[in-house]
PDB file of N, CA and C in Angstrom:
ATOM      1  N   MET A   1      -8.210  -7.229   2.938  1.00  0.00           N
ATOM      2  CA  MET A   1      -7.117  -8.138   3.145  1.00  0.00           C
ATOM      3  C   MET A   1      -6.579  -7.902   4.550  1.00  0.00           C
ATOM      4  N   THR A   2      -6.390  -8.961   5.293  1.00  0.00           N
ATOM      5  CA  THR A   2      -5.880  -8.806   6.649  1.00  0.00           C
ATOM      6  C   THR A   2      -4.399  -8.453   6.615  1.00  0.00           C
ATOM      7  N   LEU A   3      -3.936  -7.910   7.713  1.00  0.00           N
ATOM      8  CA  LEU A   3      -2.525  -7.558   7.833  1.00  0.00           C
ATOM      9  C   LEU A   3      -1.650  -8.801   7.680  1.00  0.00           C
ATOM     10  N   GLU A   4      -2.064  -9.892   8.293  1.00  0.00           N
ATOM     11  CA  GLU A   4      -1.283 -11.135   8.227  1.00  0.00           C
ATOM     12  C   GLU A   4      -1.171 -11.633   6.787  1.00  0.00           C
ATOM     13  N   GLU A   5      -2.284 -11.583   6.045  1.00  0.00           N
ATOM     14  CA  GLU A   5      -2.250 -12.004   4.636  1.00  0.00           C
ATOM     15  C   GLU A   5      -1.303 -11.113   3.835  1.00  0.00           C
ATOM     16  N   PHE A   6      -1.407  -9.807   4.034  1.00  0.00           N
ATOM     17  CA  PHE A   6      -0.567  -8.861   3.310  1.00  0.00           C
ATOM     18  C   PHE A   6       0.905  -9.129   3.583  1.00  0.00           C
ATOM     19  N   LEU A   7       1.237  -9.353   4.838  1.00  0.00           N
ATOM     20  CA  LEU A   7       2.638  -9.554   5.205  1.00  0.00           C
ATOM     21  C   LEU A   7       3.199 -10.891   4.721  1.00  0.00           C
ATOM     22  N   ARG A   8       2.345 -11.842   4.396  1.00  0.00           N
ATOM     23  CA  ARG A   8       2.822 -13.092   3.798  1.00  0.00           C
ATOM     24  C   ARG A   8       3.338 -12.853   2.379  1.00  0.00           C
ATOM     25  N   PHE A   9       2.799 -11.829   1.711  1.00  0.00           N
ATOM     26  CA  PHE A   9       3.201 -11.514   0.342  1.00  0.00           C
ATOM     27  C   PHE A   9       4.313 -10.480   0.261  1.00  0.00           C
ATOM     28  N   TRP A  10       4.274  -9.490   1.130  1.00  0.00           N
ATOM     29  CA  TRP A  10       5.121  -8.304   0.957  1.00  0.00           C
ATOM     30  C   TRP A  10       5.990  -8.049   2.180  1.00  0.00           C
ATOM     31  N   ASN A  11       7.238  -7.701   1.912  1.00  0.00           N
ATOM     32  CA  ASN A  11       8.195  -7.364   2.958  1.00  0.00           C
ATOM     33  C   ASN A  11       8.255  -5.845   3.059  1.00  0.00           C
ATOM     34  N   VAL A  12       7.465  -5.275   3.951  1.00  0.00           N
ATOM     35  CA  VAL A  12       7.389  -3.827   4.095  1.00  0.00           C
ATOM     36  C   VAL A  12       7.726  -3.436   5.531  1.00  0.00           C
ATOM     37  N   THR A  13       8.161  -2.219   5.699  1.00  0.00           N
ATOM     38  CA  THR A  13       8.455  -1.698   7.030  1.00  0.00           C
ATOM     39  C   THR A  13       7.173  -1.201   7.684  1.00  0.00           C
ATOM     40  N   ARG A  14       7.251  -0.932   8.942  1.00  0.00           N
ATOM     41  CA  ARG A  14       6.095  -0.360   9.642  1.00  0.00           C
ATOM     42  C   ARG A  14       5.794   1.039   9.115  1.00  0.00           C
ATOM     43  N   GLU A  15       6.836   1.782   8.769  1.00  0.00           N
ATOM     44  CA  GLU A  15       6.630   3.113   8.187  1.00  0.00           C
ATOM     45  C   GLU A  15       5.874   3.012   6.868  1.00  0.00           C
ATOM     46  N   GLU A  16       6.241   2.019   6.054  1.00  0.00           N
ATOM     47  CA  GLU A  16       5.543   1.825   4.780  1.00  0.00           C
ATOM     48  C   GLU A  16       4.094   1.402   5.012  1.00  0.00           C
ATOM     49  N   LEU A  17       3.855   0.550   6.013  1.00  0.00           N
ATOM     50  CA  LEU A  17       2.484   0.174   6.339  1.00  0.00           C
ATOM     51  C   LEU A  17       1.661   1.396   6.733  1.00  0.00           C
ATOM     52  N   ALA A  18       2.256   2.293   7.499  1.00  0.00           N
ATOM     53  CA  ALA A  18       1.548   3.505   7.901  1.00  0.00           C
ATOM     54  C   ALA A  18       1.176   4.332   6.670  1.00  0.00           C
ATOM     55  N   TYR A  19       2.091   4.435   5.716  1.00  0.00           N
ATOM     56  CA  TYR A  19       1.802   5.184   4.496  1.00  0.00           C
ATOM     57  C   TYR A  19       0.700   4.493   3.694  1.00  0.00           C
ATOM     58  N   ILE A  20       0.826   3.202   3.502  1.00  0.00           N
ATOM     59  CA  ILE A  20      -0.164   2.442   2.727  1.00  0.00           C
ATOM     60  C   ILE A  20      -1.555   2.588   3.342  1.00  0.00           C
ATOM     61  N   CYS A  21      -1.631   2.504   4.665  1.00  0.00           N
ATOM     62  CA  CYS A  21      -2.921   2.511   5.354  1.00  0.00           C
ATOM     63  C   CYS A  21      -3.384   3.909   5.745  1.00  0.00           C
ATOM     64  N   ASP A  22      -2.585   4.914   5.413  1.00  0.00           N
ATOM     65  CA  ASP A  22      -2.929   6.306   5.733  1.00  0.00           C
ATOM     66  C   ASP A  22      -3.229   6.465   7.220  1.00  0.00           C
ATOM     67  N   CYS A  23      -2.285   6.014   8.022  1.00  0.00           N
ATOM     68  CA  CYS A  23      -2.425   6.145   9.463  1.00  0.00           C
ATOM     69  C   CYS A  23      -1.057   6.449  10.063  1.00  0.00           C
ATOM     70  N   SER A  24      -1.024   6.652  11.344  1.00  0.00           N
ATOM     71  CA  SER A  24       0.234   6.991  12.000  1.00  0.00           C
ATOM     72  C   SER A  24       1.072   5.740  12.259  1.00  0.00           C
ATOM     73  N   LEU A  25       2.364   5.968  12.417  1.00  0.00           N
ATOM     74  CA  LEU A  25       3.263   4.883  12.792  1.00  0.00           C
ATOM     75  C   LEU A  25       2.871   4.336  14.167  1.00  0.00           C
ATOM     76  N   THR A  26       2.395   5.186  15.037  1.00  0.00           N
ATOM     77  CA  THR A  26       1.940   4.750  16.358  1.00  0.00           C
ATOM     78  C   THR A  26       0.810   3.735  16.226  1.00  0.00           C
ATOM     79  N   THR A  27      -0.130   4.000  15.339  1.00  0.00           N
ATOM     80  CA  THR A  27      -1.232   3.054  15.111  1.00  0.00           C
ATOM     81  C   THR A  27      -0.692   1.719  14.631  1.00  0.00           C
ATOM     82  N   VAL A  28       0.212   1.750  13.675  1.00  0.00           N
ATOM     83  CA  VAL A  28       0.797   0.505  13.155  1.00  0.00           C
ATOM     84  C   VAL A  28       1.529  -0.234  14.270  1.00  0.00           C
ATOM     85  N   ASN A  29       2.280   0.487  15.075  1.00  0.00           N
ATOM     86  CA  ASN A  29       2.995  -0.173  16.178  1.00  0.00           C
ATOM     87  C   ASN A  29       2.033  -0.858  17.134  1.00  0.00           C
ATOM     88  N   HIS A  30       0.847  -0.272  17.350  1.00  0.00           N
ATOM     89  CA  HIS A  30      -0.156  -0.908  18.208  1.00  0.00           C
ATOM     90  C   HIS A  30      -0.659  -2.223  17.604  1.00  0.00           C
ATOM     91  N   TRP A  31      -0.639  -2.338  16.274  1.00  0.00           N
ATOM     92  CA  TRP A  31      -1.059  -3.593  15.647  1.00  0.00           C
ATOM     93  C   TRP A  31      -0.135  -4.741  16.018  1.00  0.00           C
ATOM     94  N   PHE A  32       1.117  -4.422  16.302  1.00  0.00           N
ATOM     95  CA  PHE A  32       2.108  -5.443  16.597  1.00  0.00           C
ATOM     96  C   PHE A  32       2.354  -5.618  18.102  1.00  0.00           C
ATOM     97  N   SER A  33       1.721  -4.791  18.912  1.00  0.00           N
ATOM     98  CA  SER A  33       1.936  -4.870  20.359  1.00  0.00           C
ATOM     99  C   SER A  33       1.086  -5.983  20.956  1.00  0.00           C
ATOM    100  N   GLN A  34       1.385  -6.297  22.187  1.00  0.00           N
ATOM    101  CA  GLN A  34       0.639  -7.318  22.922  1.00  0.00           C
ATOM    102  C   GLN A  34      -0.054  -6.652  24.105  1.00  0.00           C
ATOM    103  N   GLY A  35      -1.091  -7.247  24.604  1.00  0.00           N
ATOM    104  CA  GLY A  35      -1.739  -6.747  25.815  1.00  0.00           C
ATOM    105  C   GLY A  35      -2.787  -5.690  25.559  1.00  0.00           C
ATOM    106  N   ASP A  36      -2.948  -4.820  26.539  1.00  0.00           N
ATOM    107  CA  ASP A  36      -4.023  -3.829  26.532  1.00  0.00           C
ATOM    108  C   ASP A  36      -3.912  -2.807  25.404  1.00  0.00           C
ATOM    109  N   HIS A  37      -2.712  -2.546  24.942  1.00  0.00           N
ATOM    110  CA  HIS A  37      -2.520  -1.506  23.926  1.00  0.00           C
ATOM    111  C   HIS A  37      -2.659  -2.037  22.495  1.00  0.00           C
ATOM    112  N   ARG A  38      -2.863  -3.320  22.360  1.00  0.00           N
ATOM    113  CA  ARG A  38      -2.985  -3.918  21.023  1.00  0.00           C
ATOM    114  C   ARG A  38      -4.241  -3.412  20.326  1.00  0.00           C
ATOM    115  N   ARG A  39      -4.080  -3.078  19.059  1.00  0.00           N
ATOM    116  CA  ARG A  39      -5.202  -2.709  18.190  1.00  0.00           C
ATOM    117  C   ARG A  39      -5.143  -3.605  16.962  1.00  0.00           C
ATOM    118  N   VAL A  40      -6.212  -3.615  16.224  1.00  0.00           N
ATOM    119  CA  VAL A  40      -6.233  -4.353  14.962  1.00  0.00           C
ATOM    120  C   VAL A  40      -6.597  -3.379  13.845  1.00  0.00           C
ATOM    121  N   PRO A  41      -6.114  -3.639  12.635  1.00  0.00           N
ATOM    122  CA  PRO A  41      -6.483  -2.769  11.516  1.00  0.00           C
ATOM    123  C   PRO A  41      -7.996  -2.771  11.318  1.00  0.00           C
ATOM    124  N   ASN A  42      -8.542  -1.600  11.015  1.00  0.00           N
ATOM    125  CA  ASN A  42      -9.982  -1.527  10.761  1.00  0.00           C
ATOM    126  C   ASN A  42     -10.251  -1.789   9.275  1.00  0.00           C
ATOM    127  N   GLU A  43     -11.510  -1.701   8.892  1.00  0.00           N
ATOM    128  CA  GLU A  43     -11.906  -2.011   7.514  1.00  0.00           C
ATOM    129  C   GLU A  43     -11.213  -1.102   6.505  1.00  0.00           C
ATOM    130  N   LYS A  44     -11.069   0.168   6.829  1.00  0.00           N
ATOM    131  CA  LYS A  44     -10.388   1.107   5.927  1.00  0.00           C
ATOM    132  C   LYS A  44      -8.941   0.665   5.694  1.00  0.00           C
ATOM    133  N   HIS A  45      -8.256   0.264   6.758  1.00  0.00           N
ATOM    134  CA  HIS A  45      -6.876  -0.180   6.636  1.00  0.00           C
ATOM    135  C   HIS A  45      -6.791  -1.446   5.776  1.00  0.00           C
ATOM    136  N   GLU A  46      -7.700  -2.378   6.008  1.00  0.00           N
ATOM    137  CA  GLU A  46      -7.680  -3.622   5.245  1.00  0.00           C
ATOM    138  C   GLU A  46      -7.993  -3.376   3.772  1.00  0.00           C
ATOM    139  N   GLN A  47      -8.860  -2.406   3.481  1.00  0.00           N
ATOM    140  CA  GLN A  47      -9.139  -2.064   2.080  1.00  0.00           C
ATOM    141  C   GLN A  47      -7.890  -1.500   1.410  1.00  0.00           C
ATOM    142  N   ARG A  48      -7.157  -0.665   2.133  1.00  0.00           N
ATOM    143  CA  ARG A  48      -5.932  -0.090   1.575  1.00  0.00           C
ATOM    144  C   ARG A  48      -4.861  -1.160   1.373  1.00  0.00           C
ATOM    145  N   LEU A  49      -4.777  -2.108   2.280  1.00  0.00           N
ATOM    146  CA  LEU A  49      -3.831  -3.218   2.097  1.00  0.00           C
ATOM    147  C   LEU A  49      -4.201  -4.023   0.856  1.00  0.00           C
ATOM    148  N   ALA A  50      -5.485  -4.271   0.669  1.00  0.00           N
ATOM    149  CA  ALA A  50      -5.938  -5.015  -0.509  1.00  0.00           C
ATOM    150  C   ALA A  50      -5.636  -4.239  -1.792  1.00  0.00           C
ATOM    151  N   LEU A  51      -5.835  -2.936  -1.762  1.00  0.00           N
ATOM    152  CA  LEU A  51      -5.548  -2.115  -2.936  1.00  0.00           C
ATOM    153  C   LEU A  51      -4.060  -2.136  -3.266  1.00  0.00           C
ATOM    154  N   ALA A  52      -3.213  -1.959  -2.259  1.00  0.00           N
ATOM    155  CA  ALA A  52      -1.765  -2.011  -2.492  1.00  0.00           C
ATOM    156  C   ALA A  52      -1.369  -3.374  -3.038  1.00  0.00           C
ATOM    157  N   HIS A  53      -1.926  -4.440  -2.477  1.00  0.00           N
ATOM    158  CA  HIS A  53      -1.629  -5.793  -2.956  1.00  0.00           C
ATOM    159  C   HIS A  53      -2.028  -5.943  -4.426  1.00  0.00           C
ATOM    160  N   HIS A  54      -3.204  -5.461  -4.760  1.00  0.00           N
ATOM    161  CA  HIS A  54      -3.673  -5.549  -6.147  1.00  0.00           C
ATOM    162  C   HIS A  54      -2.754  -4.778  -7.090  1.00  0.00           C
ATOM    163  N   ILE A  55      -2.429  -3.552  -6.723  1.00  0.00           N
ATOM    164  CA  ILE A  55      -1.582  -2.717  -7.583  1.00  0.00           C
ATOM    165  C   ILE A  55      -0.215  -3.355  -7.751  1.00  0.00           C
ATOM    166  N   TRP A  56       0.395  -3.785  -6.666  1.00  0.00           N
ATOM    167  CA  TRP A  56       1.740  -4.352  -6.753  1.00  0.00           C
ATOM    168  C   TRP A  56       1.748  -5.667  -7.519  1.00  0.00           C
ATOM    169  N   THR A  57       0.717  -6.473  -7.354  1.00  0.00           N
ATOM    170  CA  THR A  57       0.636  -7.726  -8.102  1.00  0.00           C
ATOM    171  C   THR A  57       0.468  -7.432  -9.591  1.00  0.00           C
ATOM    172  N   THR A  58      -0.350  -6.446  -9.908  1.00  0.00           N
ATOM    173  CA  THR A  58      -0.574  -6.060 -11.306  1.00  0.00           C
ATOM    174  C   THR A  58       0.707  -5.524 -11.938  1.00  0.00           C
ATOM    175  N   VAL A  59       1.439  -4.706 -11.192  1.00  0.00           N
ATOM    176  CA  VAL A  59       2.689  -4.136 -11.706  1.00  0.00           C
ATOM    177  C   VAL A  59       3.676  -5.247 -12.048  1.00  0.00           C
ATOM    178  N   GLU A  60       3.701  -6.278 -11.224  1.00  0.00           N
ATOM    179  CA  GLU A  60       4.629  -7.382 -11.463  1.00  0.00           C
ATOM    180  C   GLU A  60       4.327  -8.136 -12.760  1.00  0.00           C
ATOM    181  N   THR A  61       3.071  -8.109 -13.181  1.00  0.00           N
ATOM    182  CA  THR A  61       2.675  -8.907 -14.342  1.00  0.00           C
ATOM    183  C   THR A  61       2.293  -8.069 -15.560  1.00  0.00           C
ATOM    184  N   GLU A  62       2.385  -6.738 -15.454  1.00  0.00           N
ATOM    185  CA  GLU A  62       1.951  -5.912 -16.576  1.00  0.00           C
ATOM    186  C   GLU A  62       2.932  -6.010 -17.738  1.00  0.00           C
ATOM    187  N   PRO A  63       2.428  -5.929 -18.959  1.00  0.00           N
ATOM    188  CA  PRO A  63       3.295  -6.008 -20.123  1.00  0.00           C
ATOM    189  C   PRO A  63       4.218  -4.788 -20.218  1.00  0.00           C
ATOM    190  N   GLU A  64       5.309  -4.974 -20.916  1.00  0.00           N
ATOM    191  CA  GLU A  64       6.286  -3.904 -21.078  1.00  0.00           C
ATOM    192  C   GLU A  64       5.654  -2.665 -21.710  1.00  0.00           C
ATOM    193  N   TYR A  65       4.688  -2.857 -22.595  1.00  0.00           N
ATOM    194  CA  TYR A  65       3.994  -1.743 -23.237  1.00  0.00           C
ATOM    195  C   TYR A  65       3.408  -0.790 -22.197  1.00  0.00           C
ATOM    196  N   LEU A  66       2.733  -1.338 -21.178  1.00  0.00           N
ATOM    197  CA  LEU A  66       2.135  -0.499 -20.144  1.00  0.00           C
ATOM    198  C   LEU A  66       3.199   0.182 -19.286  1.00  0.00           C
ATOM    199  N   GLN A  67       4.295  -0.504 -19.043  1.00  0.00           N
ATOM    200  CA  GLN A  67       5.390   0.114 -18.302  1.00  0.00           C
ATOM    201  C   GLN A  67       5.932   1.321 -19.066  1.00  0.00           C
ATOM    202  N   THR A  68       6.061   1.186 -20.381  1.00  0.00           N
ATOM    203  CA  THR A  68       6.550   2.291 -21.204  1.00  0.00           C
ATOM    204  C   THR A  68       5.554   3.448 -21.194  1.00  0.00           C
ATOM    205  N   LEU A  69       4.267   3.152 -21.289  1.00  0.00           N
ATOM    206  CA  LEU A  69       3.248   4.207 -21.225  1.00  0.00           C
ATOM    207  C   LEU A  69       3.319   4.953 -19.892  1.00  0.00           C
ATOM    208  N   ARG A  70       3.523   4.231 -18.819  1.00  0.00           N
ATOM    209  CA  ARG A  70       3.620   4.853 -17.499  1.00  0.00           C
ATOM    210  C   ARG A  70       4.833   5.786 -17.441  1.00  0.00           C
ATOM    211  N   GLU A  71       5.953   5.344 -17.970  1.00  0.00           N
ATOM    212  CA  GLU A  71       7.153   6.181 -17.999  1.00  0.00           C
ATOM    213  C   GLU A  71       6.924   7.423 -18.852  1.00  0.00           C
ATOM    214  N   MET A  72       6.243   7.270 -19.975  1.00  0.00           N
ATOM    215  CA  MET A  72       5.936   8.414 -20.828  1.00  0.00           C
ATOM    216  C   MET A  72       5.064   9.408 -20.079  1.00  0.00           C
ATOM    217  N   TYR A  73       4.096   8.915 -19.346  1.00  0.00           N
ATOM    218  CA  TYR A  73       3.211   9.789 -18.580  1.00  0.00           C
ATOM    219  C   TYR A  73       4.010  10.620 -17.580  1.00  0.00           C
ATOM    220  N   HIS A  74       4.900   9.967 -16.862  1.00  0.00           N
ATOM    221  CA  HIS A  74       5.673  10.688 -15.848  1.00  0.00           C
ATOM    222  C   HIS A  74       6.601  11.730 -16.473  1.00  0.00           C
ATOM    223  N   ARG A  75       7.068  11.493 -17.665  1.00  0.00           N
ATOM    224  CA  ARG A  75       7.930  12.456 -18.350  1.00  0.00           C
ATOM    225  C   ARG A  75       7.118  13.592 -18.952  1.00  0.00           C
ATOM    226  N   ASN A  76       5.899  13.335 -19.383  1.00  0.00           N
ATOM    227  CA  ASN A  76       5.096  14.288 -20.146  1.00  0.00           C
ATOM    228  C   ASN A  76       3.747  14.540 -19.501  1.00  0.00           C
ATOM    229  N   ARG A  77       3.748  14.868 -18.239  1.00  0.00           N
ATOM    230  CA  ARG A  77       2.463  15.095 -17.555  1.00  0.00           C
ATOM    231  C   ARG A  77       1.624  16.136 -18.282  1.00  0.00           C
ATOM    232  N   ARG A  78       0.333  15.949 -18.178  1.00  0.00           N
ATOM    233  CA  ARG A  78      -0.617  16.842 -18.826  1.00  0.00           C
ATOM    234  C   ARG A  78      -0.452  18.262 -18.291  1.00  0.00           C
ATOM    235  N   ARG A  79      -0.505  19.190 -19.184  1.00  0.00           N
ATOM    236  CA  ARG A  79      -0.451  20.587 -18.780  1.00  0.00           C
ATOM    237  C   ARG A  79      -1.826  21.026 -18.305  1.00  0.00           C
ATOM    238  N   THR A  80      -1.826  21.866 -17.313  1.00  0.00           N
ATOM    239  CA  THR A  80      -3.104  22.377 -16.823  1.00  0.00           C
ATOM    240  C   THR A  80      -3.612  23.431 -17.790  1.00  0.00           C
ATOM    241  N   VAL A  81      -4.896  23.416 -18.013  1.00  0.00           N
ATOM    242  CA  VAL A  81      -5.524  24.369 -18.906  1.00  0.00           C
ATOM    243  C   VAL A  81      -6.138  25.466 -18.059  1.00  0.00           C
ATOM    244  N   ASP A  82      -5.767  26.709 -18.358  1.00  0.00           N
ATOM    245  CA  ASP A  82      -6.304  27.847 -17.608  1.00  0.00           C
ATOM    246  C   ASP A  82      -7.544  28.394 -18.244  1.00  0.00           C
TER     247      ASP A  82
END
């Protein structure tokens, strides 16, 4: 998913984009710059944007049952077996 497509759906900060794409804020800032310093997201970044889009879209439409299961998981994480 391209950066432009992602930003049409989601209102995120540059810091959040850096986290989503597992890159530095400096890299993200270069995506928005003009001229010689401009960079574009690479395939890895676009895959991460697509994954975040998929997860967030799914979360918006998931049934309440799955939301409850997720909350239960966070409260009762699996114990490590030694």
